[in-house]
N, C-alpha and C. Protein backbone atom coordinates (compact mmCIF):
# COMPACT_ATOMS: atom_id res chain seq x y z
N MET A 1 106.82 103.16 125.42
CA MET A 1 106.93 104.55 125.45
C MET A 1 105.59 105.08 124.91
N ALA A 2 104.96 106.02 125.84
CA ALA A 2 103.57 106.54 125.90
C ALA A 2 103.36 107.02 124.44
N PRO A 3 102.58 106.71 123.54
CA PRO A 3 102.18 106.99 122.47
C PRO A 3 102.06 108.64 122.19
N ASP A 4 101.67 109.64 123.44
CA ASP A 4 101.82 110.98 123.61
C ASP A 4 103.20 111.63 123.50
N ARG A 5 104.39 111.02 123.83
CA ARG A 5 105.34 111.23 123.41
C ARG A 5 106.26 110.78 122.38
N GLN A 6 105.46 109.99 121.38
CA GLN A 6 105.97 109.67 119.80
C GLN A 6 105.27 110.22 118.84
N ALA A 7 105.88 110.44 117.56
CA ALA A 7 104.67 111.00 116.35
C ALA A 7 105.50 110.10 115.30
N LEU A 8 104.73 110.10 114.36
CA LEU A 8 104.81 109.91 112.97
C LEU A 8 105.57 110.69 112.52
N LEU A 9 106.73 110.43 111.49
CA LEU A 9 106.98 111.37 110.55
C LEU A 9 106.94 110.30 108.91
N VAL A 10 106.04 111.40 108.26
CA VAL A 10 105.98 110.70 107.01
C VAL A 10 106.59 111.63 106.03
N VAL A 11 107.25 111.09 105.34
CA VAL A 11 108.87 111.61 104.63
C VAL A 11 108.24 111.54 102.95
N ASP A 12 108.21 112.53 102.45
CA ASP A 12 108.00 112.75 101.00
C ASP A 12 106.99 111.53 100.11
N VAL A 13 105.77 111.22 100.60
CA VAL A 13 104.78 110.34 100.34
C VAL A 13 103.82 111.24 99.37
N GLN A 14 104.23 111.54 98.57
CA GLN A 14 103.16 112.36 97.22
C GLN A 14 102.95 111.37 96.33
N ALA A 15 102.67 112.15 95.54
CA ALA A 15 102.24 111.61 93.98
C ALA A 15 103.25 111.42 93.01
N SER A 16 104.23 112.16 93.51
CA SER A 16 105.23 112.54 92.43
C SER A 16 106.43 111.41 92.68
N PHE A 17 106.20 110.69 93.61
CA PHE A 17 107.03 109.60 94.05
C PHE A 17 106.39 108.32 93.86
N PRO A 18 106.76 106.87 93.39
CA PRO A 18 106.26 106.25 93.16
C PRO A 18 105.83 105.65 94.52
N VAL A 19 104.93 105.41 95.35
CA VAL A 19 104.57 104.77 96.70
C VAL A 19 103.78 103.21 96.46
N PRO A 20 104.15 101.99 96.75
CA PRO A 20 102.51 101.40 96.80
C PRO A 20 101.62 101.39 97.71
N GLU A 21 100.73 101.47 96.74
CA GLU A 21 99.43 101.62 97.41
C GLU A 21 99.29 101.05 99.13
N ALA A 22 99.85 99.64 99.09
CA ALA A 22 99.78 99.23 100.41
C ALA A 22 100.54 99.63 101.41
N ILE A 23 101.67 100.92 100.88
CA ILE A 23 102.52 101.35 101.70
C ILE A 23 101.52 102.31 102.15
N VAL A 24 101.08 103.04 101.28
CA VAL A 24 100.42 104.76 101.85
C VAL A 24 99.30 103.92 102.39
N ALA A 25 98.43 102.80 102.33
CA ALA A 25 97.67 102.35 103.17
C ALA A 25 97.84 102.24 104.79
N GLY A 26 99.06 102.03 104.60
CA GLY A 26 99.66 101.36 105.88
C GLY A 26 99.87 102.41 106.84
N ILE A 27 100.60 103.31 105.79
CA ILE A 27 100.90 104.89 106.76
C ILE A 27 99.35 105.37 107.67
N ALA A 28 98.62 105.53 106.54
CA ALA A 28 97.51 106.25 106.29
C ALA A 28 96.87 105.32 108.02
N ALA A 29 96.68 104.17 107.70
CA ALA A 29 95.82 103.73 109.40
C ALA A 29 97.05 104.01 110.37
N LEU A 30 98.32 104.36 110.30
CA LEU A 30 98.93 104.25 111.49
C LEU A 30 98.88 106.03 111.95
N SER A 31 98.81 106.94 110.98
CA SER A 31 98.56 108.31 111.27
C SER A 31 97.03 108.40 111.81
N ARG A 32 96.43 107.76 112.00
CA ARG A 32 95.18 107.60 112.70
C ARG A 32 95.41 107.62 114.28
N ARG A 33 96.32 106.87 114.47
CA ARG A 33 96.61 106.78 116.27
C ARG A 33 97.80 107.39 116.66
N LEU A 34 98.13 108.15 115.91
CA LEU A 34 99.77 109.11 116.28
C LEU A 34 99.70 110.16 115.85
N HIS A 35 100.30 111.18 116.37
CA HIS A 35 100.13 112.42 116.30
C HIS A 35 101.05 112.47 114.70
N THR A 36 100.72 112.88 113.81
CA THR A 36 101.40 112.68 112.53
C THR A 36 101.74 114.06 111.95
N VAL A 37 103.19 113.97 111.30
CA VAL A 37 103.65 115.27 110.69
C VAL A 37 103.93 114.68 109.21
N ALA A 38 103.98 115.51 108.13
CA ALA A 38 104.41 114.59 106.96
C ALA A 38 105.37 116.02 106.24
N THR A 39 106.24 116.05 105.21
CA THR A 39 107.18 116.35 104.62
C THR A 39 106.67 116.25 103.10
N VAL A 40 106.73 117.23 102.31
CA VAL A 40 106.29 117.42 100.95
C VAL A 40 107.72 118.15 100.22
N GLU A 41 108.03 117.37 99.29
CA GLU A 41 109.42 117.94 98.14
C GLU A 41 108.74 118.90 97.37
N ARG A 42 108.82 119.77 97.36
CA ARG A 42 108.66 121.18 96.55
C ARG A 42 109.96 122.00 95.67
N HIS A 43 109.97 122.36 94.39
CA HIS A 43 111.37 122.67 93.97
C HIS A 43 111.13 124.39 93.89
N ASP A 44 112.24 124.77 94.32
CA ASP A 44 112.43 126.18 94.47
C ASP A 44 114.15 126.06 94.02
N GLU A 45 114.28 126.04 93.02
CA GLU A 45 115.79 126.24 92.46
C GLU A 45 116.76 127.05 93.33
N ALA A 46 116.29 128.56 93.57
CA ALA A 46 117.04 129.11 94.21
C ALA A 46 117.14 128.70 95.86
N VAL A 47 116.57 127.76 96.17
CA VAL A 47 117.18 127.11 97.68
C VAL A 47 117.81 125.76 97.45
N THR A 48 117.62 124.68 96.35
CA THR A 48 117.99 123.83 96.34
C THR A 48 118.68 123.65 94.55
N PRO A 49 119.62 123.48 94.39
CA PRO A 49 119.57 123.00 92.69
C PRO A 49 119.88 121.87 92.39
N PHE A 50 118.75 121.52 92.01
CA PHE A 50 118.06 119.95 91.85
C PHE A 50 118.38 119.98 90.04
N ALA A 51 117.85 121.15 89.51
CA ALA A 51 118.02 120.75 88.12
C ALA A 51 118.91 121.03 87.59
N ARG A 52 119.93 122.51 88.14
CA ARG A 52 121.47 122.48 87.98
C ARG A 52 122.38 121.39 87.99
N GLN A 53 122.28 120.47 89.43
CA GLN A 53 122.89 119.85 89.81
C GLN A 53 122.84 118.60 89.39
N LEU A 54 121.30 118.02 89.58
CA LEU A 54 121.05 116.55 89.23
C LEU A 54 119.91 116.74 87.89
N GLY A 55 119.87 117.39 87.19
CA GLY A 55 119.10 117.60 85.97
C GLY A 55 117.44 117.02 86.44
N TRP A 56 117.24 117.63 87.04
CA TRP A 56 115.80 116.56 87.73
C TRP A 56 115.08 117.84 88.57
N THR A 57 113.65 117.85 89.13
CA THR A 57 113.10 118.66 89.58
C THR A 57 112.15 117.91 90.30
N PRO A 58 111.73 118.35 91.83
CA PRO A 58 110.69 117.85 92.58
C PRO A 58 109.08 118.58 91.56
N PRO A 59 108.33 118.35 92.05
CA PRO A 59 106.66 119.32 91.59
C PRO A 59 107.32 120.61 92.18
N VAL A 60 106.70 121.35 92.02
CA VAL A 60 106.76 123.08 92.47
C VAL A 60 105.41 122.94 93.59
N ASP A 61 104.52 122.29 93.06
CA ASP A 61 103.39 122.10 94.14
C ASP A 61 103.03 120.68 94.37
N ALA A 62 103.13 119.95 95.60
CA ALA A 62 102.54 118.59 96.26
C ALA A 62 102.15 118.61 97.22
N THR A 63 101.11 117.64 97.89
CA THR A 63 100.30 117.46 98.91
C THR A 63 100.62 115.87 99.35
N PRO A 64 100.55 115.85 100.66
CA PRO A 64 100.81 114.10 101.44
C PRO A 64 99.72 113.75 100.44
N LEU A 65 100.04 112.45 100.23
CA LEU A 65 99.04 111.19 99.86
C LEU A 65 98.20 110.75 101.37
N VAL A 66 98.84 110.51 102.57
CA VAL A 66 98.60 110.34 103.57
C VAL A 66 97.80 111.88 104.63
N PRO A 67 96.75 111.36 105.66
CA PRO A 67 96.65 112.23 105.88
C PRO A 67 97.21 112.90 107.71
N ALA A 68 97.76 113.78 107.49
CA ALA A 68 98.41 114.94 108.81
C ALA A 68 98.58 115.74 109.31
N ASP A 69 98.68 115.80 110.79
CA ASP A 69 98.29 117.08 111.56
C ASP A 69 98.74 118.30 110.90
N ARG A 70 99.85 118.18 110.68
CA ARG A 70 100.62 119.31 110.20
C ARG A 70 101.73 118.67 108.95
N VAL A 71 102.18 119.79 107.95
CA VAL A 71 102.75 119.13 106.80
C VAL A 71 103.95 120.71 106.53
N PHE A 72 104.88 119.82 106.56
CA PHE A 72 106.07 120.88 106.17
C PHE A 72 106.89 121.06 104.70
N VAL A 73 107.14 121.88 104.41
CA VAL A 73 107.45 122.09 102.86
C VAL A 73 108.96 121.62 102.91
N LYS A 74 109.60 121.14 102.26
CA LYS A 74 110.98 121.20 102.21
C LYS A 74 111.89 121.12 100.72
N HIS A 75 112.94 121.94 100.68
CA HIS A 75 113.19 122.19 99.01
C HIS A 75 114.71 121.12 99.01
N GLY A 76 114.87 119.98 99.49
CA GLY A 76 116.13 119.63 99.41
C GLY A 76 115.86 118.18 100.23
N TYR A 77 116.84 117.79 100.39
CA TYR A 77 117.21 116.77 101.16
C TYR A 77 116.51 116.59 103.04
N LEU A 78 116.86 117.93 103.42
CA LEU A 78 116.48 118.00 105.01
C LEU A 78 114.72 118.49 105.39
N PRO A 79 114.58 117.94 106.43
CA PRO A 79 113.35 118.45 106.92
C PRO A 79 113.57 120.17 107.32
N PRO A 80 112.83 120.71 107.08
CA PRO A 80 112.76 122.63 107.92
C PRO A 80 113.13 122.38 109.06
N PRO A 81 114.14 123.23 109.93
CA PRO A 81 114.36 123.31 111.16
C PRO A 81 113.04 123.55 112.11
N ALA A 82 111.99 123.89 111.41
CA ALA A 82 110.96 124.05 112.09
C ALA A 82 110.25 122.73 112.67
N LEU A 83 110.32 121.78 111.60
CA LEU A 83 110.38 120.82 112.43
C LEU A 83 110.77 120.21 113.95
N ILE A 84 111.82 120.14 113.97
CA ILE A 84 112.32 120.07 115.71
C ILE A 84 111.46 121.27 116.42
N ASP A 85 111.41 122.00 116.21
CA ASP A 85 110.72 123.05 116.72
C ASP A 85 108.96 122.75 117.57
N HIS A 86 108.33 121.96 116.40
CA HIS A 86 107.10 121.81 116.12
C HIS A 86 107.48 120.51 117.18
N PHE A 87 108.24 119.46 116.96
CA PHE A 87 108.19 118.09 117.73
C PHE A 87 108.57 118.91 119.72
N ARG A 88 109.44 119.31 119.54
CA ARG A 88 109.64 120.01 120.86
C ARG A 88 108.40 120.70 121.60
N VAL A 89 107.84 121.61 121.33
CA VAL A 89 106.68 122.09 121.61
C VAL A 89 105.63 121.19 122.41
N ARG A 90 105.59 120.39 121.08
CA ARG A 90 104.69 118.88 121.72
C ARG A 90 105.21 117.93 122.87
N GLY A 91 106.51 118.30 123.34
CA GLY A 91 106.98 117.49 123.92
C GLY A 91 107.08 115.77 123.69
N ILE A 92 107.56 115.84 122.69
CA ILE A 92 108.02 114.92 121.45
C ILE A 92 109.90 113.73 121.90
N GLU A 93 109.53 112.80 122.11
CA GLU A 93 110.82 112.30 122.41
C GLU A 93 111.18 111.36 121.10
N ARG A 94 110.28 110.63 120.98
CA ARG A 94 110.81 109.57 119.68
C ARG A 94 110.02 109.70 118.26
N VAL A 95 110.64 109.58 117.46
CA VAL A 95 110.03 110.18 116.18
C VAL A 95 109.96 108.70 115.13
N LEU A 96 108.66 108.20 115.13
CA LEU A 96 108.85 106.98 113.86
C LEU A 96 108.69 107.61 112.38
N VAL A 97 109.43 107.25 111.43
CA VAL A 97 110.01 108.04 110.16
C VAL A 97 109.49 106.81 109.55
N CYS A 98 109.09 107.08 108.49
CA CYS A 98 108.72 106.03 107.30
C CYS A 98 108.22 107.21 106.48
N GLY A 99 108.57 106.87 104.67
CA GLY A 99 107.97 107.37 103.79
C GLY A 99 108.94 106.84 102.38
N VAL A 100 109.40 108.15 101.54
CA VAL A 100 110.00 107.38 100.42
C VAL A 100 111.95 108.24 100.45
N GLN A 101 112.35 107.06 99.82
CA GLN A 101 113.87 107.59 99.79
C GLN A 101 114.69 107.01 101.23
N ALA A 102 114.76 105.49 101.59
CA ALA A 102 115.33 105.47 102.82
C ALA A 102 116.47 105.60 102.76
N GLU A 103 117.49 106.19 102.18
CA GLU A 103 118.40 105.93 102.33
C GLU A 103 119.06 107.43 102.03
N THR A 104 118.02 108.43 101.42
CA THR A 104 118.27 109.84 101.49
C THR A 104 117.49 110.13 102.45
N CYS A 105 116.35 110.63 101.73
CA CYS A 105 115.30 111.64 102.67
C CYS A 105 114.79 111.04 104.15
N CYS A 106 115.10 110.06 104.22
CA CYS A 106 114.53 109.66 105.19
C CYS A 106 115.94 109.73 106.16
N LEU A 107 116.64 109.16 105.75
CA LEU A 107 118.31 108.94 106.59
C LEU A 107 118.13 111.04 106.98
N ALA A 108 118.11 111.60 106.09
CA ALA A 108 118.70 113.18 106.44
C ALA A 108 117.56 113.40 107.72
N ALA A 109 116.19 113.63 107.17
CA ALA A 109 115.43 113.13 108.37
C ALA A 109 115.87 112.96 109.60
N GLY A 110 116.05 111.37 109.88
CA GLY A 110 117.24 111.00 110.80
C GLY A 110 118.29 111.80 111.75
N PHE A 111 119.11 112.45 110.52
CA PHE A 111 120.14 112.93 111.22
C PHE A 111 119.50 114.04 112.02
N LEU A 112 118.66 114.93 111.34
CA LEU A 112 118.34 116.13 111.64
C LEU A 112 117.60 115.70 113.03
N LEU A 113 116.82 114.99 113.23
CA LEU A 113 116.16 114.53 114.45
C LEU A 113 117.09 114.17 115.86
N PHE A 114 118.43 113.29 115.20
CA PHE A 114 119.18 112.80 116.09
C PHE A 114 120.11 113.83 116.44
N ASP A 115 120.25 114.97 115.90
CA ASP A 115 121.20 115.85 116.25
C ASP A 115 120.40 116.83 117.05
N ALA A 116 119.43 116.75 117.27
CA ALA A 116 118.03 117.36 117.70
C ALA A 116 118.01 116.92 119.15
N GLY A 117 118.36 115.79 119.24
CA GLY A 117 118.60 114.80 120.91
C GLY A 117 117.46 113.99 120.99
N LEU A 118 116.66 113.84 119.60
CA LEU A 118 115.23 113.00 119.60
C LEU A 118 115.69 111.70 119.46
N HIS A 119 114.87 110.71 119.13
CA HIS A 119 115.09 109.25 119.09
C HIS A 119 114.78 109.03 117.99
N PRO A 120 114.81 108.97 116.39
CA PRO A 120 114.64 108.78 115.38
C PRO A 120 114.57 106.76 115.27
N THR A 121 113.32 106.60 114.82
CA THR A 121 113.04 104.98 114.61
C THR A 121 112.20 104.85 112.95
N LEU A 122 113.18 104.09 112.39
CA LEU A 122 112.77 103.60 111.04
C LEU A 122 111.95 102.80 111.27
N LEU A 123 110.55 102.98 110.51
CA LEU A 123 109.37 102.06 110.24
C LEU A 123 109.67 101.35 109.05
N ARG A 124 110.22 99.92 108.83
CA ARG A 124 110.92 99.71 107.21
C ARG A 124 109.46 99.27 106.87
N TRP A 125 108.89 98.29 107.00
CA TRP A 125 107.68 97.93 106.23
C TRP A 125 106.62 99.32 105.72
N LEU A 126 106.81 100.55 105.96
CA LEU A 126 106.46 101.65 105.49
C LEU A 126 107.09 102.40 104.81
N SER A 127 108.52 102.02 104.58
CA SER A 127 109.44 102.66 103.76
C SER A 127 109.67 102.04 102.09
N VAL A 128 110.09 102.90 101.46
CA VAL A 128 110.81 102.48 99.99
C VAL A 128 112.25 103.08 100.10
N GLY A 129 112.97 102.73 99.41
CA GLY A 129 113.83 103.20 98.77
C GLY A 129 114.09 103.53 97.54
N SER A 130 115.12 104.39 96.92
CA SER A 130 114.97 105.23 95.83
C SER A 130 114.92 104.34 94.69
N SER A 131 115.26 104.96 93.62
CA SER A 131 115.81 103.73 92.09
C SER A 131 117.24 103.06 92.49
N LEU A 132 117.85 103.40 93.45
CA LEU A 132 119.16 102.44 93.61
C LEU A 132 118.67 101.51 94.17
N ASP A 133 117.60 101.52 95.57
CA ASP A 133 117.59 100.19 95.89
C ASP A 133 115.70 100.10 96.72
N ARG A 134 115.11 100.20 95.80
CA ARG A 134 113.42 99.91 96.07
C ARG A 134 113.26 99.34 97.11
N SER A 135 113.85 98.48 97.35
CA SER A 135 113.38 97.43 98.83
C SER A 135 113.74 98.21 100.22
N GLY A 136 114.68 99.30 100.32
CA GLY A 136 114.54 99.99 101.44
C GLY A 136 115.88 99.97 102.22
N ALA A 137 116.09 98.24 101.86
CA ALA A 137 117.35 97.52 102.29
C ALA A 137 118.73 98.68 102.71
N LEU A 138 119.10 99.06 101.73
CA LEU A 138 120.16 100.26 102.09
C LEU A 138 119.90 100.71 103.01
N GLY A 139 118.76 101.77 102.98
CA GLY A 139 118.64 102.50 103.84
C GLY A 139 118.26 102.25 105.14
N ALA A 140 117.74 100.54 105.42
CA ALA A 140 117.46 100.41 107.23
C ALA A 140 118.80 99.89 107.39
N ALA A 141 119.51 99.94 106.45
CA ALA A 141 121.29 99.17 107.19
C ALA A 141 121.93 100.57 107.63
N LEU A 142 121.68 101.60 107.00
CA LEU A 142 122.20 102.95 107.33
C LEU A 142 121.63 103.35 108.22
N TRP A 143 120.42 103.48 108.56
CA TRP A 143 119.63 103.95 109.52
C TRP A 143 120.04 102.90 111.18
N ARG A 144 120.52 101.53 111.05
CA ARG A 144 120.23 100.73 111.72
C ARG A 144 122.05 101.18 112.26
N HIS A 145 122.79 101.31 111.29
CA HIS A 145 124.39 102.07 111.60
C HIS A 145 124.60 103.04 112.28
N HIS A 146 124.01 104.33 112.44
CA HIS A 146 123.50 105.65 112.67
C HIS A 146 122.83 105.50 113.56
N PHE A 147 121.55 105.04 113.71
CA PHE A 147 120.70 105.34 114.94
C PHE A 147 120.34 104.17 115.66
N GLY A 148 120.58 102.97 115.45
CA GLY A 148 120.43 102.02 115.92
C GLY A 148 118.93 101.54 115.93
N SER A 149 117.68 102.49 115.50
CA SER A 149 116.55 101.86 115.88
C SER A 149 115.72 101.52 114.74
N VAL A 150 115.44 100.25 113.87
CA VAL A 150 114.79 100.02 112.95
C VAL A 150 113.28 99.39 113.35
N LEU A 151 112.33 99.40 113.21
CA LEU A 151 111.70 98.35 113.76
C LEU A 151 110.76 97.85 112.13
N GLU A 152 111.23 96.10 112.04
CA GLU A 152 110.70 95.54 110.78
C GLU A 152 109.24 95.35 110.63
N GLU A 153 107.95 95.29 111.72
CA GLU A 153 106.87 95.05 111.38
C GLU A 153 105.92 95.86 112.50
N PRO A 154 104.38 95.90 112.18
CA PRO A 154 104.17 96.35 112.62
C PRO A 154 103.56 96.33 114.32
N ASP A 155 103.96 94.96 114.56
CA ASP A 155 103.60 94.61 116.08
C ASP A 155 104.68 94.80 117.19
N ALA A 156 106.11 95.35 116.47
CA ALA A 156 106.72 95.56 116.93
C ALA A 156 106.73 97.50 117.72
N LEU A 157 105.66 97.76 117.33
CA LEU A 157 105.11 99.13 117.81
C LEU A 157 104.24 99.23 119.33
N GLY A 158 104.15 97.84 119.42
CA GLY A 158 103.19 97.98 121.02
C GLY A 158 101.87 98.44 120.94
N LEU A 159 101.27 99.40 119.74
CA LEU A 159 100.16 99.37 120.01
C LEU A 159 99.02 98.62 120.43
N THR A 160 98.16 98.80 121.22
CA THR A 160 97.38 97.66 121.48
C THR A 160 95.79 97.61 121.46
N SER A 161 95.43 98.58 120.33
CA SER A 161 94.09 98.24 119.42
C SER A 161 94.38 97.19 118.23
N GLU A 162 93.31 97.71 117.49
CA GLU A 162 93.32 96.88 116.48
C GLU A 162 94.70 96.72 115.70
N PRO A 163 95.19 95.82 114.93
CA PRO A 163 96.73 95.05 114.45
C PRO A 163 96.36 95.94 112.85
N LEU A 164 97.51 97.06 112.90
CA LEU A 164 97.91 97.89 111.58
C LEU A 164 98.08 96.85 110.62
N PRO A 165 97.77 97.28 109.32
CA PRO A 165 98.05 96.56 107.98
C PRO A 165 99.46 96.25 108.34
N TYR A 166 99.99 95.33 107.32
CA TYR A 166 101.15 95.31 107.03
C TYR A 166 101.39 94.84 105.37
N PRO A 167 101.82 95.74 104.49
CA PRO A 167 101.77 95.36 103.05
C PRO A 167 102.32 93.89 102.73
N SER A 168 101.78 93.15 101.77
CA SER A 168 102.42 91.96 101.45
C SER A 168 103.06 92.37 99.94
């Protein structure tokens, strides 16, 4: 697919979540080659009851650890609906998703994208799971089951210039 019909969605790669440095570097390298949108998780108990239901709160203010053309704030698992509007205005068809909590937040983004008629694709080598499964294998399995599209390594993107880093 033409690069201008694709975008990169970076889910919650922010200082409050542990993300291996090599994954941050890989996402940053890819973000220089595609239109990139990032989400950041911020706490607002009036919107999503993290403290009341889970006894945990994300930060009140957070910024992405990677460069992005646009940043959307979210207050729960799902990205805001404005994210879909943004992709539609740009004529995006395929969204390459990577980031934090492959089996929850990335998966929630995948459902939102899929239901909007877009083609979500998980970038497995640039994603981590939650504390339940840091490897992200559970998230990749769920993603494959629901959406069918998981890329395991940078070469699968088919981008023609310099190679992208692959975290070791």
